[in-house]
Amino acid sequence: MRCPYCSSPDSRVINSRPSDDGASIRRRRECLSCTRRFTTYERAQLEPLMVVKRSGLREAFNPDKLLRGLALASEKRPVDGAALRTFAYSFEDEVQSGEIPTEEIGRRAMTFLRPLDDVAYIRFASVYRDFDSLERFIEEIRGLKDSGEAATPSDTP
């Protein structure tokens, strides 16, 4: 496994244990060149989930890309990184078909982020829905606020 810090191809496994209820193996590694440590995950993959892009192109689902988008949206927010990783790496297991459009991935990610953090949700939505004006942000924030008020019980009888 190539070291993410110095790109050396040599590392050794320090610790190995099951992860995600046995669906993957978590390996703690140490680079033999720079001695820094990093974690890798190994999982069985029978048939890759294919992502259908807006252009019609197809590519294999990459949970790291989803995690990167979620992490960017959640940057400097009180969102648990472990929850983001769990969502991204278990996403493929939740999909029942062999293909999924990018729009569906975005919808599911927004559904996941909304109860966790409003700001992370708005950040993700702004990229996913391609907000092109301040009005689109305001409209989405109003929708978020209105649905939050609708979900909150009234203090009056």
Protein backbone atom coordinates (compact mmCIF):
# COMPACT_ATOMS: atom_id res chain seq x y z
CA MET A 1 0.00 0.00 0.00
CA ARG A 2 1.43 3.39 -1.03
CA CYS A 3 2.02 5.85 1.83
CA PRO A 4 -0.33 8.88 1.57
CA TYR A 5 2.37 11.11 3.09
CA CYS A 6 5.57 10.28 1.20
CA SER A 7 4.24 7.97 -1.57
CA SER A 8 6.61 5.19 -0.65
CA PRO A 9 5.30 1.82 -1.86
CA ASP A 10 6.49 -0.02 1.27
CA SER A 11 4.46 -0.23 4.46
CA ARG A 12 3.81 -2.83 7.10
CA VAL A 13 0.57 -3.81 8.81
CA ILE A 14 0.65 -3.02 12.53
CA ASN A 15 -2.92 -3.97 13.43
CA SER A 16 -5.80 -5.65 11.60
CA ARG A 17 -9.40 -5.99 12.75
CA PRO A 18 -12.92 -6.41 11.35
CA SER A 19 -14.90 -3.24 10.71
CA ASP A 20 -18.49 -2.43 9.65
CA ASP A 21 -19.87 -5.57 11.28
CA GLY A 22 -17.38 -7.78 9.47
CA ALA A 23 -18.04 -6.30 6.01
CA SER A 24 -14.52 -4.89 5.82
CA ILE A 25 -11.09 -5.18 7.42
CA ARG A 26 -9.47 -2.14 9.01
CA ARG A 27 -5.68 -2.19 8.79
CA ARG A 28 -3.39 0.17 10.65
CA ARG A 29 -0.15 0.56 8.68
CA GLU A 30 3.23 2.14 9.16
CA CYS A 31 5.32 3.51 6.30
CA LEU A 32 8.78 1.96 6.21
CA SER A 33 10.29 5.18 4.80
CA CYS A 34 8.81 8.05 6.83
CA THR A 35 7.46 5.93 9.76
CA ARG A 36 4.09 7.75 9.69
CA ARG A 37 0.97 5.69 10.34
CA PHE A 38 -2.23 5.52 8.34
CA THR A 39 -5.38 3.41 8.11
CA THR A 40 -6.68 1.42 5.15
CA TYR A 41 -9.89 -0.53 4.68
CA GLU A 42 -10.25 -3.73 2.69
CA ARG A 43 -13.62 -5.02 1.58
CA ALA A 44 -14.91 -7.69 -0.77
CA GLN A 45 -16.52 -6.39 -3.90
CA LEU A 46 -18.45 -8.72 -6.13
CA GLU A 47 -19.68 -6.33 -8.78
CA PRO A 48 -18.95 -2.61 -8.67
CA LEU A 49 -21.82 -0.17 -8.30
CA MET A 50 -21.87 1.99 -11.41
CA VAL A 51 -22.61 5.70 -11.18
CA VAL A 52 -24.46 7.25 -14.12
CA LYS A 53 -23.28 10.83 -14.52
CA ARG A 54 -25.42 13.66 -15.91
CA SER A 55 -23.47 13.44 -19.17
CA GLY A 56 -24.44 9.77 -19.50
CA LEU A 57 -20.96 8.48 -18.72
CA ARG A 58 -20.67 5.57 -16.29
CA GLU A 59 -17.96 5.05 -13.70
CA ALA A 60 -17.46 2.80 -10.70
CA PHE A 61 -18.75 4.19 -7.40
CA ASN A 62 -15.95 5.56 -5.25
CA PRO A 63 -16.89 6.07 -1.58
CA ASP A 64 -13.86 8.33 -1.13
CA LYS A 65 -15.37 10.86 -3.55
CA LEU A 66 -18.64 10.86 -1.62
CA LEU A 67 -16.78 11.17 1.69
CA ARG A 68 -14.71 14.07 0.31
CA GLY A 69 -17.90 15.93 -0.67
CA LEU A 70 -19.50 15.31 2.71
CA ALA A 71 -16.32 16.35 4.52
CA LEU A 72 -16.07 19.59 2.53
CA ALA A 73 -19.68 20.43 3.32
CA SER A 74 -19.10 19.64 7.01
CA GLU A 75 -15.76 21.42 7.34
CA LYS A 76 -15.48 23.35 10.62
CA ARG A 77 -18.93 22.12 11.67
CA PRO A 78 -19.83 19.90 14.64
CA VAL A 79 -20.44 16.83 12.47
CA ASP A 80 -19.04 13.47 13.52
CA GLY A 81 -16.44 12.34 10.98
CA ALA A 82 -17.14 8.70 11.85
CA ALA A 83 -20.79 9.17 10.84
CA LEU A 84 -19.68 10.59 7.49
CA ARG A 85 -17.31 7.65 6.91
CA THR A 86 -19.97 5.13 7.89
CA PHE A 87 -22.47 6.69 5.48
CA ALA A 88 -19.99 6.89 2.59
CA TYR A 89 -18.59 3.38 3.00
CA SER A 90 -21.93 1.69 3.63
CA PHE A 91 -23.65 3.59 0.80
CA GLU A 92 -22.85 0.92 -1.78
CA ASP A 93 -24.38 -1.78 0.43
CA GLU A 94 -27.67 0.16 0.65
CA VAL A 95 -28.17 0.43 -3.11
CA GLN A 96 -30.23 -2.45 -4.46
CA SER A 97 -29.45 -2.05 -8.17
CA GLY A 98 -26.16 -2.19 -10.08
CA GLU A 99 -26.45 1.44 -11.24
CA ILE A 100 -27.32 4.71 -9.57
CA PRO A 101 -27.60 8.21 -11.07
CA THR A 102 -25.53 10.98 -9.49
CA GLU A 103 -28.78 12.80 -8.71
CA GLU A 104 -29.85 9.94 -6.43
CA ILE A 105 -26.49 9.96 -4.65
CA GLY A 106 -26.91 13.69 -4.05
CA ARG A 107 -30.48 13.28 -2.77
CA ARG A 108 -29.46 10.54 -0.35
CA ALA A 109 -26.47 12.57 0.88
CA MET A 110 -28.69 15.61 1.49
CA THR A 111 -31.20 13.45 3.36
CA PHE A 112 -28.34 12.16 5.50
CA LEU A 113 -26.87 15.64 6.21
CA ARG A 114 -30.09 17.50 6.93
CA PRO A 115 -30.70 16.20 10.48
CA LEU A 116 -26.97 16.38 11.31
CA ASP A 117 -26.23 20.03 10.54
CA ASP A 118 -28.16 22.74 8.66
CA VAL A 119 -25.03 24.52 7.47
CA ALA A 120 -23.45 21.34 6.10
CA TYR A 121 -26.75 20.56 4.40
CA ILE A 122 -26.90 24.02 2.74
CA ARG A 123 -23.26 23.78 1.65
CA PHE A 124 -23.82 20.37 0.07
CA ALA A 125 -27.11 21.47 -1.51
CA SER A 126 -25.46 24.55 -3.03
CA VAL A 127 -23.06 22.35 -4.99
CA TYR A 128 -25.50 19.51 -5.70
CA ARG A 129 -28.28 21.82 -6.90
CA ASP A 130 -25.81 24.25 -8.53
CA PHE A 131 -27.00 27.41 -6.81
CA ASP A 132 -26.23 30.28 -9.17
CA SER A 133 -27.56 33.22 -7.17
CA LEU A 134 -28.07 34.51 -3.67
CA GLU A 135 -31.82 34.08 -4.16
CA ARG A 136 -31.38 30.29 -4.51
CA PHE A 137 -29.54 30.19 -1.16
CA ILE A 138 -32.24 32.27 0.51
CA GLU A 139 -34.97 30.11 -0.99
CA GLU A 140 -33.33 26.91 0.29
CA ILE A 141 -32.74 28.40 3.75
CA ARG A 142 -36.38 29.50 3.94
CA GLY A 143 -37.47 25.99 2.96
CA LEU A 144 -35.21 24.56 5.64
CA LYS A 145 -36.55 27.01 8.22
CA ASP A 146 -40.21 26.43 7.24
CA SER A 147 -39.88 22.65 7.42
CA GLY A 148 -38.10 22.98 10.77
CA GLU A 149 -40.93 25.07 12.16
CA ALA A 150 -43.49 22.62 10.80
CA ALA A 151 -41.71 19.75 12.54
CA THR A 152 -41.49 21.60 15.88
CA PRO A 153 -44.52 21.21 18.16
CA SER A 154 -46.35 24.43 18.93
CA ASP A 155 -46.20 25.89 22.44
CA THR A 156 -49.82 26.97 22.24
CA PRO A 157 -52.65 24.49 22.81
